[in-house]
Amino acid sequence: MVITVEIRKMYRYPFERVVDMHLNKYPTPLEEHVRDIKTVEEKKDLTGIIYRRRIATCNNVLPSILRKAHLMNVNYVYLEEESWLDREQKTMNIRSRCLTWTQIATLQEVSVFRESTANPNWTEFRQTGSIAVTGVGRLNRLFELFAQSFFSRGVKKSVNVMETILEQRYGRPCS
């Protein structure tokens, strides 16, 4: 079974500020589970699109009951984020996936930041995440339910972190 989580958010800040904040928000004391993010590849193509591949190191937040499965009992989880930033069109597409548990689960997200059509000083954000656990037998469903709850909370927390940092750096949102 595949579980999906979707969010839409309107940031009342210009595209450039929101994208800059996304690319530079971690690590931060506002999110203690993201330990580090390293850019492992960056290049610009002939059309001006900037491609980045980054690896995030995060604390393993699985509860001890789920860590009883040997493969799940690791200290850190590694996530890969690929992004394509088009400053001219004011869009950034992102594809993220978990690198740690690929033999038992598929965890991925697709996100888009784009200048709002309603107000050029705002930025639309859309993200869809999916989780499919296949490698832990009868515990598959339990892992999926945990992942769904964790993703939902994580997405909300990530949005709150973005809003907090944007407000701290740039003041109240544009109207």
N, C-alpha and C. Protein backbone atom coordinates (compact mmCIF):
# COMPACT_ATOMS: atom_id res chain seq x y z
N MET A 1 0.85 -1.18 0.00
CA MET A 1 0.00 0.00 0.00
C MET A 1 0.89 1.25 0.00
N VAL A 2 0.50 2.25 -0.75
CA VAL A 2 1.23 3.51 -0.79
C VAL A 2 0.42 4.57 -0.04
N ILE A 3 1.08 5.25 0.86
CA ILE A 3 0.46 6.32 1.63
C ILE A 3 0.99 7.64 1.09
N THR A 4 0.11 8.60 0.90
CA THR A 4 0.55 9.91 0.40
C THR A 4 0.16 11.02 1.38
N VAL A 5 0.96 12.04 1.37
CA VAL A 5 0.73 13.24 2.18
C VAL A 5 0.93 14.43 1.24
N GLU A 6 -0.01 15.37 1.28
CA GLU A 6 0.09 16.53 0.40
C GLU A 6 -0.13 17.81 1.18
N ILE A 7 0.61 18.86 0.79
CA ILE A 7 0.44 20.17 1.43
C ILE A 7 0.54 21.25 0.36
N ARG A 8 -0.21 22.31 0.57
CA ARG A 8 -0.12 23.52 -0.24
C ARG A 8 0.00 24.67 0.74
N LYS A 9 0.90 25.60 0.42
CA LYS A 9 1.14 26.72 1.30
C LYS A 9 1.46 27.95 0.48
N MET A 10 0.93 29.08 0.88
CA MET A 10 1.24 30.36 0.25
C MET A 10 2.12 31.14 1.23
N TYR A 11 3.38 31.33 0.86
CA TYR A 11 4.26 32.18 1.65
C TYR A 11 4.08 33.60 1.16
N ARG A 12 3.86 34.51 2.08
CA ARG A 12 3.66 35.90 1.70
C ARG A 12 4.98 36.66 1.67
N TYR A 13 5.93 36.05 0.97
CA TYR A 13 7.26 36.62 0.74
C TYR A 13 7.61 36.37 -0.71
N PRO A 14 8.48 37.20 -1.29
CA PRO A 14 8.88 37.01 -2.69
C PRO A 14 9.63 35.69 -2.90
N PHE A 15 9.54 35.19 -4.10
CA PHE A 15 10.14 33.92 -4.50
C PHE A 15 11.61 33.82 -4.11
N GLU A 16 12.40 34.84 -4.41
CA GLU A 16 13.84 34.80 -4.15
C GLU A 16 14.13 34.58 -2.66
N ARG A 17 13.37 35.24 -1.81
CA ARG A 17 13.58 35.09 -0.36
C ARG A 17 13.20 33.69 0.12
N VAL A 18 12.08 33.19 -0.38
CA VAL A 18 11.61 31.87 0.06
C VAL A 18 12.58 30.78 -0.40
N VAL A 19 13.01 30.85 -1.65
CA VAL A 19 13.95 29.85 -2.17
C VAL A 19 15.28 29.92 -1.42
N ASP A 20 15.79 31.13 -1.21
CA ASP A 20 17.02 31.29 -0.46
C ASP A 20 16.88 30.68 0.94
N MET A 21 15.74 30.90 1.55
CA MET A 21 15.52 30.37 2.90
C MET A 21 15.46 28.84 2.88
N HIS A 22 14.79 28.28 1.87
CA HIS A 22 14.74 26.82 1.77
C HIS A 22 16.14 26.24 1.65
N LEU A 23 16.96 26.86 0.83
CA LEU A 23 18.30 26.33 0.59
C LEU A 23 19.25 26.53 1.76
N ASN A 24 18.90 27.41 2.70
CA ASN A 24 19.82 27.74 3.79
C ASN A 24 19.23 27.59 5.19
N LYS A 25 18.07 26.98 5.32
CA LYS A 25 17.41 26.94 6.63
C LYS A 25 18.00 25.92 7.60
N TYR A 26 18.65 24.89 7.10
CA TYR A 26 19.19 23.85 7.99
C TYR A 26 20.70 23.86 7.96
N PRO A 27 21.34 23.47 9.02
CA PRO A 27 20.75 23.15 10.33
C PRO A 27 20.33 24.41 11.06
N THR A 28 19.35 24.24 11.93
CA THR A 28 18.81 25.33 12.73
C THR A 28 18.33 24.78 14.07
N PRO A 29 18.44 25.55 15.13
CA PRO A 29 17.92 25.11 16.44
C PRO A 29 16.41 24.86 16.42
N LEU A 30 15.72 25.40 15.41
CA LEU A 30 14.27 25.21 15.31
C LEU A 30 13.92 23.78 14.88
N GLU A 31 14.88 23.04 14.35
CA GLU A 31 14.66 21.65 13.93
C GLU A 31 15.88 20.84 14.35
N GLU A 32 15.75 20.23 15.53
CA GLU A 32 16.90 19.53 16.12
C GLU A 32 17.25 18.21 15.45
N HIS A 33 16.38 17.66 14.63
CA HIS A 33 16.65 16.35 14.02
C HIS A 33 17.45 16.43 12.73
N VAL A 34 17.54 17.59 12.10
CA VAL A 34 18.37 17.74 10.91
C VAL A 34 19.77 18.15 11.38
N ARG A 35 20.71 17.22 11.25
CA ARG A 35 22.06 17.42 11.77
C ARG A 35 22.95 18.21 10.81
N ASP A 36 22.81 17.93 9.49
CA ASP A 36 23.72 18.53 8.53
C ASP A 36 23.13 18.39 7.13
N ILE A 37 23.47 19.34 6.28
CA ILE A 37 23.12 19.24 4.85
C ILE A 37 24.37 19.63 4.07
N LYS A 38 24.75 18.76 3.14
CA LYS A 38 25.92 19.03 2.30
C LYS A 38 25.51 19.03 0.84
N THR A 39 25.96 20.05 0.13
CA THR A 39 25.77 20.07 -1.32
C THR A 39 26.87 19.21 -1.92
N VAL A 40 26.47 18.15 -2.64
CA VAL A 40 27.46 17.23 -3.23
C VAL A 40 27.62 17.45 -4.73
N GLU A 41 26.70 18.20 -5.32
CA GLU A 41 26.81 18.53 -6.74
C GLU A 41 26.03 19.81 -7.00
N GLU A 42 26.61 20.68 -7.82
CA GLU A 42 25.91 21.90 -8.23
C GLU A 42 26.43 22.29 -9.61
N LYS A 43 25.50 22.57 -10.51
CA LYS A 43 25.89 23.00 -11.85
C LYS A 43 24.77 23.84 -12.46
N LYS A 44 25.16 24.65 -13.43
CA LYS A 44 24.22 25.52 -14.13
C LYS A 44 24.25 25.12 -15.60
N ASP A 45 23.06 24.90 -16.18
CA ASP A 45 23.04 24.52 -17.60
C ASP A 45 22.99 25.76 -18.50
N LEU A 46 22.96 25.54 -19.79
CA LEU A 46 23.00 26.64 -20.76
C LEU A 46 21.78 27.55 -20.67
N THR A 47 20.66 27.03 -20.15
CA THR A 47 19.45 27.85 -20.04
C THR A 47 19.42 28.64 -18.73
N GLY A 48 20.42 28.42 -17.86
CA GLY A 48 20.47 29.15 -16.59
C GLY A 48 19.87 28.40 -15.42
N ILE A 49 19.38 27.18 -15.63
CA ILE A 49 18.79 26.41 -14.53
C ILE A 49 19.92 25.86 -13.67
N ILE A 50 19.78 26.07 -12.37
CA ILE A 50 20.78 25.61 -11.41
C ILE A 50 20.31 24.29 -10.82
N TYR A 51 21.11 23.26 -11.02
CA TYR A 51 20.83 21.93 -10.45
C TYR A 51 21.69 21.76 -9.20
N ARG A 52 21.07 21.26 -8.13
CA ARG A 52 21.80 20.95 -6.90
C ARG A 52 21.38 19.57 -6.41
N ARG A 53 22.36 18.85 -5.90
CA ARG A 53 22.07 17.59 -5.21
C ARG A 53 22.69 17.71 -3.83
N ARG A 54 21.83 17.54 -2.83
CA ARG A 54 22.28 17.70 -1.45
C ARG A 54 21.92 16.44 -0.66
N ILE A 55 22.73 16.17 0.36
CA ILE A 55 22.49 15.04 1.24
C ILE A 55 22.29 15.59 2.66
N ALA A 56 21.16 15.21 3.26
CA ALA A 56 20.86 15.62 4.63
C ALA A 56 21.10 14.45 5.57
N THR A 57 21.70 14.74 6.70
CA THR A 57 21.89 13.76 7.76
C THR A 57 20.91 14.12 8.87
N CYS A 58 20.04 13.17 9.21
CA CYS A 58 19.00 13.41 10.21
C CYS A 58 19.06 12.35 11.30
N ASN A 59 18.64 12.72 12.50
CA ASN A 59 18.53 11.74 13.57
C ASN A 59 17.46 10.72 13.21
N ASN A 60 17.68 9.48 13.58
CA ASN A 60 16.65 8.45 13.42
C ASN A 60 15.63 8.65 14.53
N VAL A 61 14.41 8.99 14.18
CA VAL A 61 13.38 9.29 15.17
C VAL A 61 12.39 8.13 15.35
N LEU A 62 12.70 6.98 14.78
CA LEU A 62 11.80 5.84 14.95
C LEU A 62 11.71 5.46 16.42
N PRO A 63 10.50 5.15 16.88
CA PRO A 63 10.36 4.69 18.26
C PRO A 63 11.06 3.33 18.44
N SER A 64 11.41 3.02 19.67
CA SER A 64 12.16 1.79 19.96
C SER A 64 11.44 0.53 19.49
N ILE A 65 10.12 0.52 19.53
CA ILE A 65 9.37 -0.66 19.08
C ILE A 65 9.64 -0.94 17.59
N LEU A 66 9.75 0.11 16.78
CA LEU A 66 10.02 -0.08 15.35
C LEU A 66 11.50 -0.35 15.09
N ARG A 67 12.36 0.06 16.01
CA ARG A 67 13.79 -0.19 15.85
C ARG A 67 14.17 -1.64 16.15
N LYS A 68 13.22 -2.42 16.63
CA LYS A 68 13.49 -3.84 16.89
C LYS A 68 13.81 -4.57 15.58
N ALA A 69 13.29 -4.07 14.48
CA ALA A 69 13.70 -4.61 13.17
C ALA A 69 15.14 -4.14 12.97
N HIS A 70 16.06 -5.06 12.83
CA HIS A 70 17.50 -4.78 12.79
C HIS A 70 17.86 -3.66 11.80
N LEU A 71 17.30 -3.69 10.61
CA LEU A 71 17.63 -2.69 9.60
C LEU A 71 17.22 -1.27 10.00
N MET A 72 16.26 -1.16 10.89
CA MET A 72 15.75 0.15 11.29
C MET A 72 16.55 0.77 12.43
N ASN A 73 17.41 -0.03 13.08
CA ASN A 73 18.14 0.42 14.26
C ASN A 73 19.46 1.08 13.85
N VAL A 74 19.35 2.27 13.30
CA VAL A 74 20.52 3.06 12.91
C VAL A 74 20.43 4.42 13.61
N ASN A 75 21.56 5.08 13.79
CA ASN A 75 21.56 6.38 14.47
C ASN A 75 21.09 7.51 13.56
N TYR A 76 21.49 7.42 12.26
CA TYR A 76 21.20 8.52 11.35
C TYR A 76 20.47 8.01 10.11
N VAL A 77 19.67 8.90 9.55
CA VAL A 77 18.95 8.64 8.31
C VAL A 77 19.47 9.65 7.29
N TYR A 78 19.70 9.20 6.07
CA TYR A 78 20.24 10.07 5.02
C TYR A 78 19.18 10.30 3.95
N LEU A 79 19.00 11.55 3.60
CA LEU A 79 18.03 11.95 2.59
C LEU A 79 18.75 12.67 1.47
N GLU A 80 18.30 12.41 0.25
CA GLU A 80 18.86 13.09 -0.92
C GLU A 80 17.82 14.06 -1.45
N GLU A 81 18.26 15.27 -1.74
CA GLU A 81 17.39 16.28 -2.35
C GLU A 81 18.04 16.74 -3.64
N GLU A 82 17.29 16.66 -4.73
CA GLU A 82 17.71 17.22 -6.00
C GLU A 82 16.79 18.40 -6.30
N SER A 83 17.39 19.51 -6.74
CA SER A 83 16.55 20.68 -7.05
C SER A 83 17.00 21.30 -8.37
N TRP A 84 16.02 21.89 -9.04
CA TRP A 84 16.23 22.60 -10.30
C TRP A 84 15.63 23.99 -10.13
N LEU A 85 16.50 24.99 -10.03
CA LEU A 85 16.08 26.36 -9.79
C LEU A 85 16.17 27.15 -11.08
N ASP A 86 15.02 27.70 -11.49
CA ASP A 86 14.95 28.57 -12.67
C ASP A 86 14.59 29.96 -12.18
N ARG A 87 15.60 30.80 -11.99
CA ARG A 87 15.36 32.15 -11.46
C ARG A 87 14.58 33.02 -12.44
N GLU A 88 14.75 32.79 -13.73
CA GLU A 88 14.04 33.58 -14.72
C GLU A 88 12.53 33.30 -14.68
N GLN A 89 12.16 32.04 -14.63
CA GLN A 89 10.74 31.64 -14.58
C GLN A 89 10.19 31.66 -13.15
N LYS A 90 11.07 31.86 -12.18
CA LYS A 90 10.71 31.89 -10.76
C LYS A 90 10.00 30.60 -10.34
N THR A 91 10.71 29.48 -10.60
CA THR A 91 10.24 28.18 -10.15
C THR A 91 11.43 27.38 -9.62
N MET A 92 11.17 26.56 -8.63
CA MET A 92 12.15 25.59 -8.18
C MET A 92 11.42 24.28 -7.95
N ASN A 93 11.86 23.25 -8.66
CA ASN A 93 11.32 21.91 -8.52
C ASN A 93 12.30 21.09 -7.69
N ILE A 94 11.75 20.28 -6.80
CA ILE A 94 12.59 19.51 -5.88
C ILE A 94 12.07 18.07 -5.84
N ARG A 95 13.03 17.15 -5.84
CA ARG A 95 12.71 15.74 -5.66
C ARG A 95 13.59 15.22 -4.53
N SER A 96 12.97 14.64 -3.52
CA SER A 96 13.71 14.14 -2.36
C SER A 96 13.37 12.68 -2.12
N ARG A 97 14.35 11.95 -1.58
CA ARG A 97 14.10 10.55 -1.26
C ARG A 97 15.00 10.12 -0.11
N CYS A 98 14.55 9.10 0.59
CA CYS A 98 15.33 8.53 1.68
C CYS A 98 16.33 7.54 1.11
N LEU A 99 17.57 7.67 1.51
CA LEU A 99 18.63 6.77 1.05
C LEU A 99 18.89 5.62 2.01
N THR A 100 18.39 5.72 3.22
CA THR A 100 18.76 4.78 4.27
C THR A 100 18.07 3.42 4.18
N TRP A 101 16.78 3.39 3.99
CA TRP A 101 16.05 2.13 4.07
C TRP A 101 15.51 1.67 2.72
N THR A 102 16.27 1.85 1.68
CA THR A 102 15.78 1.56 0.33
C THR A 102 15.41 0.10 0.12
N GLN A 103 15.99 -0.82 0.88
CA GLN A 103 15.69 -2.23 0.70
C GLN A 103 14.34 -2.63 1.31
N ILE A 104 13.77 -1.74 2.15
CA ILE A 104 12.49 -2.10 2.75
C ILE A 104 11.39 -1.06 2.56
N ALA A 105 11.77 0.12 2.08
CA ALA A 105 10.76 1.16 1.94
C ALA A 105 11.16 2.17 0.86
N THR A 106 10.13 2.82 0.31
CA THR A 106 10.33 3.92 -0.61
C THR A 106 9.68 5.14 0.01
N LEU A 107 10.49 6.12 0.32
CA LEU A 107 10.00 7.39 0.86
C LEU A 107 10.49 8.48 -0.07
N GLN A 108 9.56 9.24 -0.64
CA GLN A 108 9.95 10.30 -1.56
C GLN A 108 8.99 11.48 -1.48
N GLU A 109 9.51 12.63 -1.88
CA GLU A 109 8.72 13.86 -1.92
C GLU A 109 9.00 14.59 -3.23
N VAL A 110 7.98 15.25 -3.72
CA VAL A 110 8.10 16.12 -4.88
C VAL A 110 7.54 17.47 -4.44
N SER A 111 8.35 18.52 -4.62
CA SER A 111 7.95 19.85 -4.17
C SER A 111 8.15 20.87 -5.29
N VAL A 112 7.33 21.93 -5.24
CA VAL A 112 7.46 23.02 -6.20
C VAL A 112 7.28 24.34 -5.46
N PHE A 113 8.24 25.24 -5.67
CA PHE A 113 8.09 26.64 -5.27
C PHE A 113 7.92 27.41 -6.56
N ARG A 114 6.95 28.33 -6.58
CA ARG A 114 6.80 29.20 -7.76
C ARG A 114 6.18 30.53 -7.34
N GLU A 115 6.53 31.55 -8.13
CA GLU A 115 5.94 32.87 -7.88
C GLU A 115 4.43 32.75 -8.01
N SER A 116 3.72 33.37 -7.10
CA SER A 116 2.25 33.30 -7.11
C SER A 116 1.67 34.07 -8.29
N THR A 117 0.65 33.51 -8.89
CA THR A 117 -0.07 34.22 -9.95
C THR A 117 -1.00 35.27 -9.35
N ALA A 118 -1.37 35.11 -8.07
CA ALA A 118 -2.26 36.07 -7.41
C ALA A 118 -1.53 37.33 -6.97
N ASN A 119 -0.23 37.18 -6.62
CA ASN A 119 0.54 38.32 -6.13
C ASN A 119 2.02 38.02 -6.36
N PRO A 120 2.72 38.82 -7.16
CA PRO A 120 4.13 38.53 -7.46
C PRO A 120 5.06 38.64 -6.24
N ASN A 121 4.57 39.17 -5.13
CA ASN A 121 5.35 39.23 -3.90
C ASN A 121 5.16 38.01 -3.02
N TRP A 122 4.38 37.05 -3.49
CA TRP A 122 4.11 35.83 -2.74
C TRP A 122 4.68 34.64 -3.49
N THR A 123 4.83 33.53 -2.75
CA THR A 123 5.38 32.30 -3.33
C THR A 123 4.47 31.13 -2.98
N GLU A 124 4.05 30.40 -4.01
CA GLU A 124 3.24 29.20 -3.82
C GLU A 124 4.17 28.01 -3.57
N PHE A 125 3.78 27.16 -2.65
CA PHE A 125 4.53 25.94 -2.35
C PHE A 125 3.57 24.77 -2.38
N ARG A 126 3.99 23.72 -3.06
CA ARG A 126 3.18 22.49 -3.12
C ARG A 126 4.14 21.31 -2.92
N GLN A 127 3.72 20.37 -2.07
CA GLN A 127 4.55 19.20 -1.82
C GLN A 127 3.67 17.97 -1.69
N THR A 128 4.13 16.90 -2.32
CA THR A 128 3.47 15.60 -2.20
C THR A 128 4.52 14.59 -1.79
N GLY A 129 4.23 13.85 -0.74
CA GLY A 129 5.14 12.81 -0.27
C GLY A 129 4.45 11.47 -0.32
N SER A 130 5.22 10.42 -0.58
CA SER A 130 4.66 9.08 -0.59
C SER A 130 5.57 8.11 0.16
N ILE A 131 4.94 7.13 0.77
CA ILE A 131 5.63 6.13 1.55
C ILE A 131 5.06 4.77 1.18
N ALA A 132 5.93 3.84 0.86
CA ALA A 132 5.52 2.45 0.63
C ALA A 132 6.53 1.57 1.34
N VAL A 133 6.05 0.77 2.29
CA VAL A 133 6.91 -0.14 3.03
C VAL A 133 6.61 -1.55 2.55
N THR A 134 7.64 -2.27 2.16
CA THR A 134 7.42 -3.60 1.61
C THR A 134 8.32 -4.67 2.22
N GLY A 135 9.30 -4.29 3.01
CA GLY A 135 10.31 -5.26 3.41
C GLY A 135 10.31 -5.70 4.86
N VAL A 136 9.25 -5.45 5.62
CA VAL A 136 9.25 -5.88 7.02
C VAL A 136 8.05 -6.78 7.35
N GLY A 137 7.55 -7.48 6.35
CA GLY A 137 6.50 -8.47 6.57
C GLY A 137 5.23 -7.89 7.14
N ARG A 138 4.78 -8.51 8.22
CA ARG A 138 3.50 -8.10 8.82
C ARG A 138 3.56 -6.72 9.47
N LEU A 139 4.75 -6.19 9.62
CA LEU A 139 4.90 -4.86 10.23
C LEU A 139 4.81 -3.74 9.20
N ASN A 140 4.67 -4.07 7.91
CA ASN A 140 4.61 -3.05 6.86
C ASN A 140 3.62 -1.95 7.20
N ARG A 141 2.40 -2.34 7.52
CA ARG A 141 1.33 -1.37 7.77
C ARG A 141 1.67 -0.48 8.97
N LEU A 142 2.23 -1.06 10.03
CA LEU A 142 2.60 -0.29 11.21
C LEU A 142 3.64 0.78 10.85
N PHE A 143 4.64 0.39 10.06
CA PHE A 143 5.65 1.34 9.60
C PHE A 143 5.04 2.43 8.73
N GLU A 144 4.12 2.06 7.86
CA GLU A 144 3.47 3.05 6.99
C GLU A 144 2.67 4.05 7.79
N LEU A 145 1.93 3.57 8.80
CA LEU A 145 1.14 4.49 9.62
C LEU A 145 2.04 5.45 10.40
N PHE A 146 3.15 4.93 10.93
CA PHE A 146 4.09 5.81 11.62
C PHE A 146 4.65 6.84 10.64
N ALA A 147 5.05 6.36 9.47
CA ALA A 147 5.65 7.26 8.47
C ALA A 147 4.65 8.33 8.04
N GLN A 148 3.39 7.96 7.86
CA GLN A 148 2.37 8.94 7.47
C GLN A 148 2.23 10.01 8.54
N SER A 149 2.15 9.60 9.79
CA SER A 149 2.03 10.55 10.89
C SER A 149 3.28 11.42 10.99
N PHE A 150 4.46 10.79 10.86
CA PHE A 150 5.71 11.53 10.95
C PHE A 150 5.85 12.52 9.81
N PHE A 151 5.52 12.10 8.58
CA PHE A 151 5.59 13.01 7.43
C PHE A 151 4.64 14.19 7.61
N SER A 152 3.43 13.92 8.03
CA SER A 152 2.45 15.00 8.23
C SER A 152 2.96 16.02 9.23
N ARG A 153 3.46 15.53 10.36
CA ARG A 153 4.00 16.44 11.38
C ARG A 153 5.25 17.14 10.86
N GLY A 154 6.10 16.41 10.15
CA GLY A 154 7.34 16.98 9.63
C GLY A 154 7.11 18.09 8.63
N VAL A 155 6.13 17.90 7.74
CA VAL A 155 5.82 18.92 6.74
C VAL A 155 5.32 20.18 7.43
N LYS A 156 4.43 20.02 8.41
CA LYS A 156 3.92 21.18 9.14
C LYS A 156 5.04 21.89 9.88
N LYS A 157 5.94 21.11 10.48
CA LYS A 157 7.06 21.72 11.21
C LYS A 157 7.99 22.44 10.25
N SER A 158 8.25 21.86 9.10
CA SER A 158 9.12 22.49 8.11
C SER A 158 8.54 23.82 7.64
N VAL A 159 7.24 23.85 7.40
CA VAL A 159 6.57 25.10 7.00
C VAL A 159 6.68 26.13 8.12
N ASN A 160 6.48 25.70 9.36
CA ASN A 160 6.59 26.63 10.49
C ASN A 160 8.01 27.15 10.64
N VAL A 161 9.01 26.29 10.44
CA VAL A 161 10.41 26.73 10.50
C VAL A 161 10.67 27.78 9.43
N MET A 162 10.20 27.50 8.21
CA MET A 162 10.37 28.47 7.11
C MET A 162 9.74 29.80 7.48
N GLU A 163 8.49 29.78 7.94
CA GLU A 163 7.81 31.02 8.28
C GLU A 163 8.52 31.77 9.39
N THR A 164 8.97 31.06 10.40
CA THR A 164 9.67 31.69 11.52
C THR A 164 10.96 32.35 11.05
N ILE A 165 11.76 31.63 10.28
CA ILE A 165 13.04 32.19 9.81
C ILE A 165 12.80 33.35 8.85
N LEU A 166 11.82 33.21 7.96
CA LEU A 166 11.51 34.31 7.04
C LEU A 166 11.11 35.57 7.82
N GLU A 167 10.27 35.40 8.81
CA GLU A 167 9.83 36.55 9.61
C GLU A 167 11.00 37.15 10.40
N GLN A 168 11.86 36.29 10.97
CA GLN A 168 13.01 36.80 11.71
C GLN A 168 13.95 37.58 10.80
N ARG A 169 14.14 37.09 9.59
CA ARG A 169 15.10 37.73 8.68
C ARG A 169 14.51 38.93 7.96
N TYR A 170 13.24 38.84 7.53
CA TYR A 170 12.67 39.87 6.65
C TYR A 170 11.50 40.63 7.26
N GLY A 171 11.11 40.32 8.48
CA GLY A 171 9.99 40.99 9.09
C GLY A 171 8.65 40.38 8.69
N ARG A 172 7.60 41.05 9.02
CA ARG A 172 6.24 40.57 8.73
C ARG A 172 6.06 40.33 7.24
N PRO A 173 5.21 39.36 6.87
CA PRO A 173 4.99 39.05 5.45
C PRO A 173 4.40 40.22 4.67
N CYS A 174 4.64 40.18 3.35
CA CYS A 174 4.07 41.18 2.43
C CYS A 174 2.57 40.94 2.30
N SER A 175 1.83 41.99 2.09
CA SER A 175 0.39 41.81 1.88
C SER A 175 0.02 41.95 0.43
